[in-house]
Amino acid sequence: MNKRPIAITIIAVLLILAGAAGLVGDFMHLKSLSANHYETVWIAGVHVLALVAGAFMLRGRNWARWLAVFWMAFHVIISIGHPLEQLIVHVLFLLLFVYSLFRADARTYFAHREAEA
């Protein structure tokens, strides 16, 4: 059995926590919004993607690590135009995701788990 690298576990749990916290916030805001706010639905979808990526990374699904990278890249893109500090933080997280999710031990973990599925 191929052991999951600790970096994968940490990133997956952070994604799950971020997605869950975001959804809780979304539902709290839904009470005060009119029915015409489609933006909230899209934002909730982004939070669901974080949950999905984190959960399936824990199960060793290769596509989930790609989803996690794209999810973080999306945050970099939407950070453009916000304060520079926010953009820098998102870029640093993206670099950390890419480094951690594509190291040799992570590639081995995901390749092994995909072969079992």
C-alpha atoms as a PDB file:
ATOM      1  CA  MET A   1       0.000   0.000   0.000  1.00  0.00           C
ATOM      2  CA  ASN A   2       1.314   3.406  -0.980  1.00  0.00           C
ATOM      3  CA  LYS A   3       1.228   5.823   1.960  1.00  0.00           C
ATOM      4  CA  ARG A   4      -0.267   9.265   1.357  1.00  0.00           C
ATOM      5  CA  PRO A   5       2.314  12.077   1.622  1.00  0.00           C
ATOM      6  CA  ILE A   6       1.609  14.456   4.497  1.00  0.00           C
ATOM      7  CA  ALA A   7       1.522  17.444   2.122  1.00  0.00           C
ATOM      8  CA  ILE A   8      -1.369  15.830   0.234  1.00  0.00           C
ATOM      9  CA  THR A   9      -3.275  15.310   3.478  1.00  0.00           C
ATOM     10  CA  ILE A  10      -2.698  18.893   4.615  1.00  0.00           C
ATOM     11  CA  ILE A  11      -3.749  20.441   1.310  1.00  0.00           C
ATOM     12  CA  ALA A  12      -6.789  18.168   1.036  1.00  0.00           C
ATOM     13  CA  VAL A  13      -7.951  19.011   4.571  1.00  0.00           C
ATOM     14  CA  LEU A  14      -7.403  22.732   3.941  1.00  0.00           C
ATOM     15  CA  LEU A  15      -9.486  22.512   0.762  1.00  0.00           C
ATOM     16  CA  ILE A  16     -12.259  20.701   2.619  1.00  0.00           C
ATOM     17  CA  LEU A  17     -12.211  23.263   5.423  1.00  0.00           C
ATOM     18  CA  ALA A  18     -12.153  26.211   2.993  1.00  0.00           C
ATOM     19  CA  GLY A  19     -15.017  24.738   0.987  1.00  0.00           C
ATOM     20  CA  ALA A  20     -17.103  23.960   4.060  1.00  0.00           C
ATOM     21  CA  ALA A  21     -16.493  27.355   5.660  1.00  0.00           C
ATOM     22  CA  GLY A  22     -17.308  29.066   2.383  1.00  0.00           C
ATOM     23  CA  LEU A  23     -20.562  27.161   2.024  1.00  0.00           C
ATOM     24  CA  VAL A  24     -21.583  28.032   5.572  1.00  0.00           C
ATOM     25  CA  GLY A  25     -20.938  31.683   4.769  1.00  0.00           C
ATOM     26  CA  ASP A  26     -22.852  31.377   1.500  1.00  0.00           C
ATOM     27  CA  PHE A  27     -25.897  29.965   3.236  1.00  0.00           C
ATOM     28  CA  MET A  28     -25.769  32.676   5.878  1.00  0.00           C
ATOM     29  CA  HIS A  29     -25.770  35.332   3.124  1.00  0.00           C
ATOM     30  CA  LEU A  30     -28.587  33.639   1.201  1.00  0.00           C
ATOM     31  CA  LYS A  31     -31.042  34.628   3.922  1.00  0.00           C
ATOM     32  CA  SER A  32     -30.394  38.319   3.304  1.00  0.00           C
ATOM     33  CA  LEU A  33     -30.266  38.208  -0.514  1.00  0.00           C
ATOM     34  CA  SER A  34     -33.074  38.525  -2.966  1.00  0.00           C
ATOM     35  CA  ALA A  35     -33.789  35.622  -5.326  1.00  0.00           C
ATOM     36  CA  ASN A  36     -31.986  37.443  -8.143  1.00  0.00           C
ATOM     37  CA  HIS A  37     -28.408  36.875  -6.934  1.00  0.00           C
ATOM     38  CA  TYR A  38     -26.901  34.254  -9.229  1.00  0.00           C
ATOM     39  CA  GLU A  39     -23.421  35.273  -8.127  1.00  0.00           C
ATOM     40  CA  THR A  40     -23.976  33.546  -4.784  1.00  0.00           C
ATOM     41  CA  VAL A  41     -24.790  30.307  -6.582  1.00  0.00           C
ATOM     42  CA  TRP A  42     -21.558  30.525  -8.605  1.00  0.00           C
ATOM     43  CA  ILE A  43     -19.547  31.253  -5.463  1.00  0.00           C
ATOM     44  CA  ALA A  44     -21.150  28.278  -3.723  1.00  0.00           C
ATOM     45  CA  GLY A  45     -20.155  26.163  -6.725  1.00  0.00           C
ATOM     46  CA  VAL A  46     -16.537  27.216  -6.274  1.00  0.00           C
ATOM     47  CA  HIS A  47     -16.738  26.174  -2.631  1.00  0.00           C
ATOM     48  CA  VAL A  48     -18.207  22.803  -3.610  1.00  0.00           C
ATOM     49  CA  LEU A  49     -15.285  22.308  -6.017  1.00  0.00           C
ATOM     50  CA  ALA A  50     -12.864  22.820  -3.114  1.00  0.00           C
ATOM     51  CA  LEU A  51     -14.718  20.183  -1.085  1.00  0.00           C
ATOM     52  CA  VAL A  52     -14.713  17.741  -3.987  1.00  0.00           C
ATOM     53  CA  ALA A  53     -11.030  18.283  -4.743  1.00  0.00           C
ATOM     54  CA  GLY A  54     -10.038  17.772  -1.110  1.00  0.00           C
ATOM     55  CA  ALA A  55     -12.191  14.695  -0.552  1.00  0.00           C
ATOM     56  CA  PHE A  56     -11.064  12.938  -3.708  1.00  0.00           C
ATOM     57  CA  MET A  57      -7.403  13.849  -3.167  1.00  0.00           C
ATOM     58  CA  LEU A  58      -7.642  11.935   0.099  1.00  0.00           C
ATOM     59  CA  ARG A  59      -8.906   8.993  -1.959  1.00  0.00           C
ATOM     60  CA  GLY A  60      -5.930   9.338  -4.309  1.00  0.00           C
ATOM     61  CA  ARG A  61      -7.751  10.456  -7.425  1.00  0.00           C
ATOM     62  CA  ASN A  62      -5.340  12.082  -9.864  1.00  0.00           C
ATOM     63  CA  TRP A  63      -7.978  14.350 -11.406  1.00  0.00           C
ATOM     64  CA  ALA A  64      -8.621  15.832  -7.952  1.00  0.00           C
ATOM     65  CA  ARG A  65      -5.105  17.210  -7.646  1.00  0.00           C
ATOM     66  CA  TRP A  66      -5.557  18.887 -11.036  1.00  0.00           C
ATOM     67  CA  LEU A  67      -8.871  20.310  -9.844  1.00  0.00           C
ATOM     68  CA  ALA A  68      -7.111  21.667  -6.748  1.00  0.00           C
ATOM     69  CA  VAL A  69      -4.463  23.390  -8.881  1.00  0.00           C
ATOM     70  CA  PHE A  70      -7.090  24.876 -11.213  1.00  0.00           C
ATOM     71  CA  TRP A  71      -9.137  25.968  -8.196  1.00  0.00           C
ATOM     72  CA  MET A  72      -6.128  27.821  -6.785  1.00  0.00           C
ATOM     73  CA  ALA A  73      -5.228  29.279 -10.203  1.00  0.00           C
ATOM     74  CA  PHE A  74      -8.799  30.599 -10.419  1.00  0.00           C
ATOM     75  CA  HIS A  75      -8.217  32.407  -7.118  1.00  0.00           C
ATOM     76  CA  VAL A  76      -5.051  33.956  -8.503  1.00  0.00           C
ATOM     77  CA  ILE A  77      -6.988  35.232 -11.512  1.00  0.00           C
ATOM     78  CA  ILE A  78      -9.802  36.722  -9.453  1.00  0.00           C
ATOM     79  CA  SER A  79      -7.233  38.316  -7.124  1.00  0.00           C
ATOM     80  CA  ILE A  80      -6.023  40.536  -9.947  1.00  0.00           C
ATOM     81  CA  GLY A  81      -7.432  43.966  -9.271  1.00  0.00           C
ATOM     82  CA  HIS A  82      -7.601  43.374  -5.516  1.00  0.00           C
ATOM     83  CA  PRO A  83      -4.906  44.527  -3.098  1.00  0.00           C
ATOM     84  CA  LEU A  84      -1.456  43.316  -4.137  1.00  0.00           C
ATOM     85  CA  GLU A  85      -1.030  41.393  -0.880  1.00  0.00           C
ATOM     86  CA  GLN A  86      -4.036  39.204  -1.723  1.00  0.00           C
ATOM     87  CA  LEU A  87      -2.618  38.429  -5.157  1.00  0.00           C
ATOM     88  CA  ILE A  88       0.777  37.570  -3.673  1.00  0.00           C
ATOM     89  CA  VAL A  89      -0.754  35.228  -1.095  1.00  0.00           C
ATOM     90  CA  HIS A  90      -2.772  33.421  -3.762  1.00  0.00           C
ATOM     91  CA  VAL A  91       0.269  33.106  -6.048  1.00  0.00           C
ATOM     92  CA  LEU A  92       2.305  31.684  -3.167  1.00  0.00           C
ATOM     93  CA  PHE A  93      -0.437  29.159  -2.379  1.00  0.00           C
ATOM     94  CA  LEU A  94      -0.624  28.191  -6.049  1.00  0.00           C
ATOM     95  CA  LEU A  95       3.133  27.603  -6.140  1.00  0.00           C
ATOM     96  CA  LEU A  96       2.905  25.564  -2.936  1.00  0.00           C
ATOM     97  CA  PHE A  97       0.054  23.484  -4.394  1.00  0.00           C
ATOM     98  CA  VAL A  98       1.934  22.803  -7.622  1.00  0.00           C
ATOM     99  CA  TYR A  99       5.151  21.925  -5.813  1.00  0.00           C
ATOM    100  CA  SER A 100       3.443  19.687  -3.252  1.00  0.00           C
ATOM    101  CA  LEU A 101       1.000  17.964  -5.592  1.00  0.00           C
ATOM    102  CA  PHE A 102       3.525  17.136  -8.311  1.00  0.00           C
ATOM    103  CA  ARG A 103       6.545  16.036  -6.289  1.00  0.00           C
ATOM    104  CA  ALA A 104       7.795  12.511  -6.935  1.00  0.00           C
ATOM    105  CA  ASP A 105       6.110  11.075  -3.819  1.00  0.00           C
ATOM    106  CA  ALA A 106       2.788  12.686  -4.773  1.00  0.00           C
ATOM    107  CA  ARG A 107       3.018  11.427  -8.358  1.00  0.00           C
ATOM    108  CA  THR A 108       3.697   7.929  -7.049  1.00  0.00           C
ATOM    109  CA  TYR A 109       0.777   8.136  -4.611  1.00  0.00           C
ATOM    110  CA  PHE A 110      -1.711   9.300  -7.217  1.00  0.00           C
ATOM    111  CA  ALA A 111      -0.469   6.877  -9.896  1.00  0.00           C
ATOM    112  CA  HIS A 112      -0.675   3.932  -7.484  1.00  0.00           C
ATOM    113  CA  ARG A 113      -4.152   4.893  -6.216  1.00  0.00           C
ATOM    114  CA  GLU A 114      -5.470   5.408  -9.774  1.00  0.00           C
ATOM    115  CA  ALA A 115      -4.197   1.945 -10.746  1.00  0.00           C
ATOM    116  CA  GLU A 116      -6.175   0.428  -7.841  1.00  0.00           C
ATOM    117  CA  ALA A 117      -9.435   2.133  -8.838  1.00  0.00           C
END
